[in-house]
Amino acid sequence: MKNRKILFLFSLLALFVLGCDPLEERLDLGSSITAEDLNISATPLVVNGKKSNKVVLVNNSPVLSSWNFGVGLSQKMTDTVLMVATGQNEIIFTGRNPDGTSISKSLTVEIDELTFEVPLEWGYLTGGSEKSWVWDTDKPAVWGNGGYKGNVAPAWWTLQVTDIEGQAANEGVGAKMIFHLANAELHKVKSNGDIEKGTYKFEMNKQVLLDDGSVWAKGKLTTKGVTMLCGKSPDEGGIPVYEYDILVLKGSEMMLSYAPAGTGAWGTAYFWAFKSL
């Protein structure tokens, strides 16, 4: 009798197990949306009845945010950004769905006036639209090295524009850089007609100060996807340089510098001298 009871219990257990559905752990990623479903906005702040150059970006959609507002990027769901030009400005939103797919939508905002201060460097570099820059042959040298936080132009090893070909093919005589205000695009046009494209940004809060507190470099110019003409570091195996100290940037003159991280005063830095066309 005892054996029959045990067998009966095992039979019931087997039936219970067979009757259950297999357990599955599933992650609900949520549904994807299309560009038409996006709930986003870009609204200029109104000051004294006019649309200012500060724009409020809002994403109320279930996607990750990436805003390209022409002169910068933001990945915040909500942000306030500074535009640098009046008139119509395009803002491109790219969202990423939970399944990894991307969707994009373009918004246009109208800016009446530059109510909030825009760094003058945008105007100097682009002329308000686009501006071409070439090697400054009016200077004693257009490229070379000198002392970091000591010199303000090539001083030790100095090269003329005709010497650049030996350092960077097709980036000397006849080459130029075009800085665009729209989308902060930078085009490097080589003397053989090849064009390399990228973007740039200013960080005027990143100054380099001397021991006495005076300013040696007024800010930084950072590029992405393209370098300045002859934009490599000889002391680091010829690696591309994408971040430059701004020593001078005004209407028709630009002097940039670069030194490897950790360089001390009077260590080796490289200098680029350009002028606008």
Protein backbone atom coordinates (compact mmCIF):
# COMPACT_ATOMS: atom_id res chain seq x y z
CA MET A 1 0.00 0.00 0.00
CA LYS A 2 2.82 2.38 0.88
CA ASN A 3 4.52 1.86 -2.49
CA ARG A 4 1.22 2.54 -4.26
CA LYS A 5 0.85 5.89 -2.45
CA ILE A 6 4.40 6.95 -3.41
CA LEU A 7 3.79 6.01 -7.04
CA PHE A 8 0.53 7.96 -7.04
CA LEU A 9 2.25 11.07 -5.68
CA PHE A 10 5.00 10.86 -8.31
CA SER A 11 2.36 10.55 -11.02
CA LEU A 12 0.58 13.69 -9.82
CA LEU A 13 3.88 15.60 -9.73
CA ALA A 14 4.71 14.52 -13.29
CA LEU A 15 1.32 15.66 -14.55
CA PHE A 16 1.77 19.04 -12.82
CA VAL A 17 5.19 19.62 -14.40
CA LEU A 18 4.04 18.56 -17.86
CA GLY A 19 1.02 20.80 -17.60
CA CYS A 20 3.03 23.94 -16.89
CA ASP A 21 4.24 26.23 -19.68
CA PRO A 22 8.04 26.72 -19.81
CA LEU A 23 9.21 29.85 -18.04
CA GLU A 24 10.69 32.57 -20.27
CA GLU A 25 12.30 35.85 -19.23
CA ARG A 26 11.51 38.46 -21.83
CA LEU A 27 12.70 42.08 -21.84
CA ASP A 28 10.06 44.43 -23.11
CA LEU A 29 11.96 46.97 -25.18
CA GLY A 30 8.88 48.98 -25.92
CA SER A 31 7.50 49.89 -29.33
CA SER A 32 9.43 51.91 -31.91
CA ILE A 33 8.08 55.13 -33.34
CA THR A 34 8.55 56.89 -36.68
CA ALA A 35 9.68 60.44 -37.37
CA GLU A 36 6.03 61.43 -37.83
CA ASP A 37 5.33 60.30 -34.25
CA LEU A 38 7.99 62.53 -32.71
CA ASN A 39 6.80 65.03 -30.13
CA ILE A 40 9.62 67.58 -30.16
CA SER A 41 9.90 71.35 -30.24
CA ALA A 42 12.47 74.13 -30.62
CA THR A 43 11.24 77.47 -29.33
CA PRO A 44 13.22 80.76 -29.20
CA LEU A 45 12.96 82.73 -25.97
CA VAL A 46 11.07 85.95 -26.63
CA VAL A 47 12.71 89.08 -25.20
CA ASN A 48 11.04 92.48 -25.60
CA GLY A 49 8.72 91.02 -28.20
CA LYS A 50 11.50 89.58 -30.38
CA LYS A 51 12.69 86.02 -30.83
CA SER A 52 16.12 85.84 -29.22
CA ASN A 53 19.02 83.58 -30.05
CA LYS A 54 18.42 81.31 -27.06
CA VAL A 55 16.31 78.33 -28.09
CA VAL A 56 14.58 75.86 -25.79
CA LEU A 57 14.74 72.26 -27.06
CA VAL A 58 12.18 69.76 -25.75
CA ASN A 59 11.80 66.06 -26.53
CA ASN A 60 8.62 64.48 -25.18
CA SER A 61 9.05 61.27 -27.18
CA PRO A 62 10.14 57.83 -25.89
CA VAL A 63 13.49 58.00 -27.70
CA LEU A 64 17.02 59.06 -26.83
CA SER A 65 17.89 62.59 -27.94
CA SER A 66 20.54 64.07 -30.18
CA TRP A 67 20.08 67.70 -31.26
CA ASN A 68 22.33 69.26 -33.92
CA PHE A 69 21.69 72.99 -33.66
CA GLY A 70 24.26 74.01 -36.26
CA VAL A 71 27.10 75.13 -34.04
CA GLY A 72 26.91 72.37 -31.45
CA LEU A 73 25.28 69.17 -30.26
CA SER A 74 23.12 68.30 -27.26
CA GLN A 75 22.00 64.88 -26.09
CA LYS A 76 19.64 66.15 -23.41
CA MET A 77 15.89 65.58 -23.44
CA THR A 78 15.45 69.27 -22.59
CA ASP A 79 18.08 71.95 -23.14
CA THR A 80 18.55 75.65 -23.87
CA VAL A 81 21.12 76.40 -26.57
CA LEU A 82 22.68 79.52 -28.05
CA MET A 83 22.30 80.24 -31.76
CA VAL A 84 24.86 82.53 -33.40
CA ALA A 85 23.04 83.86 -36.46
CA THR A 86 19.78 85.71 -37.12
CA GLY A 87 17.21 84.57 -39.67
CA GLN A 88 16.19 80.97 -40.24
CA ASN A 89 18.24 78.33 -38.44
CA GLU A 90 17.86 74.60 -38.96
CA ILE A 91 17.93 72.20 -36.02
CA ILE A 92 18.16 68.49 -36.77
CA PHE A 93 16.86 66.04 -34.18
CA THR A 94 17.95 62.40 -34.24
CA GLY A 95 16.19 59.97 -31.93
CA ARG A 96 17.11 56.40 -31.08
CA ASN A 97 14.32 53.88 -30.48
CA PRO A 98 14.56 51.18 -27.79
CA ASP A 99 15.29 48.62 -30.53
CA GLY A 100 18.29 50.65 -31.73
CA THR A 101 16.75 52.15 -34.87
CA SER A 102 17.22 55.86 -35.55
CA ILE A 103 14.77 58.48 -36.76
CA SER A 104 15.41 62.11 -37.72
CA LYS A 105 13.40 65.27 -38.12
CA SER A 106 14.36 68.82 -39.07
CA LEU A 107 12.99 71.89 -37.30
CA THR A 108 13.37 75.51 -38.44
CA VAL A 109 13.53 78.39 -35.99
CA GLU A 110 13.46 82.08 -36.82
CA ILE A 111 15.84 84.30 -34.84
CA ASP A 112 15.02 88.01 -34.83
CA GLU A 113 18.10 89.33 -33.02
CA LEU A 114 21.23 88.22 -31.16
CA THR A 115 19.89 89.28 -27.77
CA PHE A 116 22.40 87.13 -25.92
CA GLU A 117 26.09 87.73 -26.51
CA VAL A 118 27.74 85.56 -29.14
CA PRO A 119 31.53 85.06 -29.00
CA LEU A 120 33.12 87.38 -31.57
CA GLU A 121 35.22 84.47 -32.77
CA TRP A 122 32.25 83.08 -34.73
CA GLY A 123 32.18 86.23 -36.81
CA TYR A 124 35.94 86.44 -37.16
CA LEU A 125 36.23 82.84 -38.32
CA THR A 126 33.20 82.62 -40.63
CA GLY A 127 32.44 86.19 -41.64
CA GLY A 128 28.84 85.48 -40.69
CA SER A 129 28.47 82.78 -43.35
CA GLU A 130 31.68 81.19 -44.58
CA LYS A 131 35.27 82.32 -44.79
CA SER A 132 38.44 80.93 -46.38
CA TRP A 133 41.80 80.83 -44.61
CA VAL A 134 45.27 80.19 -46.06
CA TRP A 135 48.83 80.22 -44.77
CA ASP A 136 49.85 83.71 -43.65
CA THR A 137 52.78 84.44 -45.93
CA ASP A 138 53.00 87.95 -44.48
CA LYS A 139 54.52 86.42 -41.34
CA PRO A 140 58.23 85.48 -41.04
CA ALA A 141 57.16 81.81 -40.87
CA VAL A 142 53.85 80.01 -41.38
CA TRP A 143 54.54 76.87 -39.33
CA GLY A 144 57.15 75.47 -36.96
CA ASN A 145 57.90 75.17 -33.28
CA GLY A 146 58.86 77.32 -30.34
CA GLY A 147 58.40 77.59 -26.60
CA TYR A 148 55.07 76.64 -25.02
CA LYS A 149 53.74 79.59 -22.99
CA GLY A 150 56.84 81.45 -24.13
CA ASN A 151 56.68 82.23 -27.85
CA VAL A 152 53.59 83.33 -29.76
CA ALA A 153 54.75 82.25 -33.24
CA PRO A 154 57.24 79.79 -34.78
CA ALA A 155 60.62 80.67 -33.33
CA TRP A 156 63.01 77.70 -33.34
CA TRP A 157 62.30 75.51 -36.34
CA THR A 158 60.56 77.79 -38.85
CA LEU A 159 59.07 76.91 -42.23
CA GLN A 160 57.80 78.93 -45.19
CA VAL A 161 54.72 77.92 -47.13
CA THR A 162 56.91 76.33 -49.81
CA ASP A 163 58.35 74.02 -47.14
CA ILE A 164 54.97 72.64 -46.07
CA GLU A 165 54.80 70.15 -48.94
CA GLY A 166 57.62 68.20 -47.30
CA GLN A 167 55.56 67.90 -44.11
CA ALA A 168 52.05 67.42 -45.53
CA ALA A 169 51.49 66.69 -49.20
CA ASN A 170 49.14 69.10 -51.02
CA GLU A 171 48.63 71.22 -47.87
CA GLY A 172 51.02 74.06 -48.66
CA VAL A 173 50.82 76.47 -51.59
CA GLY A 174 47.31 76.54 -53.03
CA ALA A 175 45.63 74.80 -50.08
CA LYS A 176 42.98 76.45 -47.93
CA MET A 177 40.44 75.90 -45.16
CA ILE A 178 36.82 77.04 -45.34
CA PHE A 179 35.01 77.62 -42.06
CA HIS A 180 31.21 77.52 -42.45
CA LEU A 181 28.83 78.99 -39.89
CA ALA A 182 26.06 76.56 -40.88
CA ASN A 183 26.50 73.28 -38.99
CA ALA A 184 29.98 74.50 -37.93
CA GLU A 185 31.48 72.71 -40.91
CA LEU A 186 35.19 72.83 -41.73
CA HIS A 187 36.40 71.94 -45.22
CA LYS A 188 40.09 71.44 -45.87
CA VAL A 189 40.72 71.95 -49.58
CA LYS A 190 44.05 70.57 -50.71
CA SER A 191 46.08 71.93 -53.61
CA ASN A 192 45.24 68.84 -55.69
CA GLY A 193 41.52 69.48 -55.28
CA ASP A 194 40.85 66.83 -52.62
CA ILE A 195 38.47 67.98 -49.89
CA GLU A 196 38.33 66.69 -46.34
CA LYS A 197 35.25 67.62 -44.30
CA GLY A 198 34.61 67.82 -40.59
CA THR A 199 33.30 70.14 -37.90
CA TYR A 200 34.72 72.54 -35.32
CA LYS A 201 33.82 74.21 -32.05
CA PHE A 202 35.06 76.95 -29.74
CA GLU A 203 35.78 76.65 -26.03
CA MET A 204 36.67 80.19 -25.10
CA ASN A 205 36.54 79.35 -21.40
CA LYS A 206 39.64 77.15 -21.78
CA GLN A 207 42.36 79.74 -21.52
CA VAL A 208 46.06 79.16 -20.92
CA LEU A 209 47.47 81.55 -18.34
CA LEU A 210 51.05 82.48 -17.55
CA ASP A 211 52.45 82.48 -14.03
CA ASP A 212 51.68 86.19 -13.67
CA GLY A 213 48.02 85.58 -14.53
CA SER A 214 48.16 87.08 -18.01
CA VAL A 215 46.57 85.25 -20.92
CA TRP A 216 48.81 83.34 -23.33
CA ALA A 217 46.00 81.51 -25.17
CA LYS A 218 42.48 82.98 -25.22
CA GLY A 219 40.63 79.72 -25.83
CA LYS A 220 40.61 76.46 -27.75
CA LEU A 221 39.55 75.52 -31.26
CA THR A 222 38.62 71.86 -31.50
CA THR A 223 38.00 70.03 -34.78
CA LYS A 224 36.44 66.67 -35.54
CA GLY A 225 37.01 64.59 -38.64
CA VAL A 226 39.58 66.96 -40.10
CA THR A 227 42.69 68.82 -38.90
CA MET A 228 44.16 72.19 -39.73
CA LEU A 229 46.49 72.32 -42.73
CA CYS A 230 49.64 70.36 -41.81
CA GLY A 231 47.79 69.25 -38.70
CA LYS A 232 50.06 66.55 -37.31
CA SER A 233 52.39 66.39 -34.33
CA PRO A 234 55.98 65.58 -35.38
CA ASP A 235 57.01 64.82 -31.80
CA GLU A 236 54.29 62.19 -31.37
CA GLY A 237 54.82 60.05 -34.44
CA GLY A 238 52.79 62.28 -36.71
CA ILE A 239 49.46 61.77 -34.94
CA PRO A 240 46.60 64.08 -36.05
CA VAL A 241 46.02 67.19 -33.95
CA TYR A 242 42.40 68.09 -33.26
CA GLU A 243 42.71 70.59 -30.41
CA TYR A 244 44.49 73.92 -30.80
CA ASP A 245 45.16 76.80 -28.45
CA ILE A 246 43.96 80.10 -29.92
CA LEU A 247 46.67 82.71 -29.53
CA VAL A 248 45.23 85.21 -32.02
CA LEU A 249 41.90 85.27 -33.82
CA LYS A 250 40.64 88.51 -35.30
CA GLY A 251 39.33 89.84 -38.58
CA SER A 252 42.03 88.54 -40.89
CA GLU A 253 44.60 86.87 -38.64
CA MET A 254 44.72 83.55 -36.81
CA MET A 255 47.60 82.03 -34.83
CA LEU A 256 47.13 78.59 -33.30
CA SER A 257 49.36 76.41 -31.16
CA TYR A 258 49.58 72.84 -29.92
CA ALA A 259 51.75 71.09 -27.36
CA PRO A 260 51.50 67.47 -26.17
CA ALA A 261 49.74 66.94 -22.84
CA GLY A 262 52.01 67.62 -19.88
CA THR A 263 54.26 70.09 -21.71
CA GLY A 264 55.67 72.68 -19.32
CA ALA A 265 56.66 76.29 -19.88
CA TRP A 266 59.19 76.58 -22.72
CA GLY A 267 58.67 72.96 -23.72
CA THR A 268 58.21 72.36 -27.45
CA ALA A 269 54.97 73.65 -28.97
CA TYR A 270 53.97 73.96 -32.62
CA PHE A 271 52.45 77.05 -34.23
CA TRP A 272 50.18 77.66 -37.25
CA ALA A 273 49.88 81.10 -38.88
CA PHE A 274 46.85 81.72 -41.14
CA LYS A 275 45.20 84.71 -42.78
CA SER A 276 41.76 85.11 -44.32
CA LEU A 277 41.13 85.64 -48.03
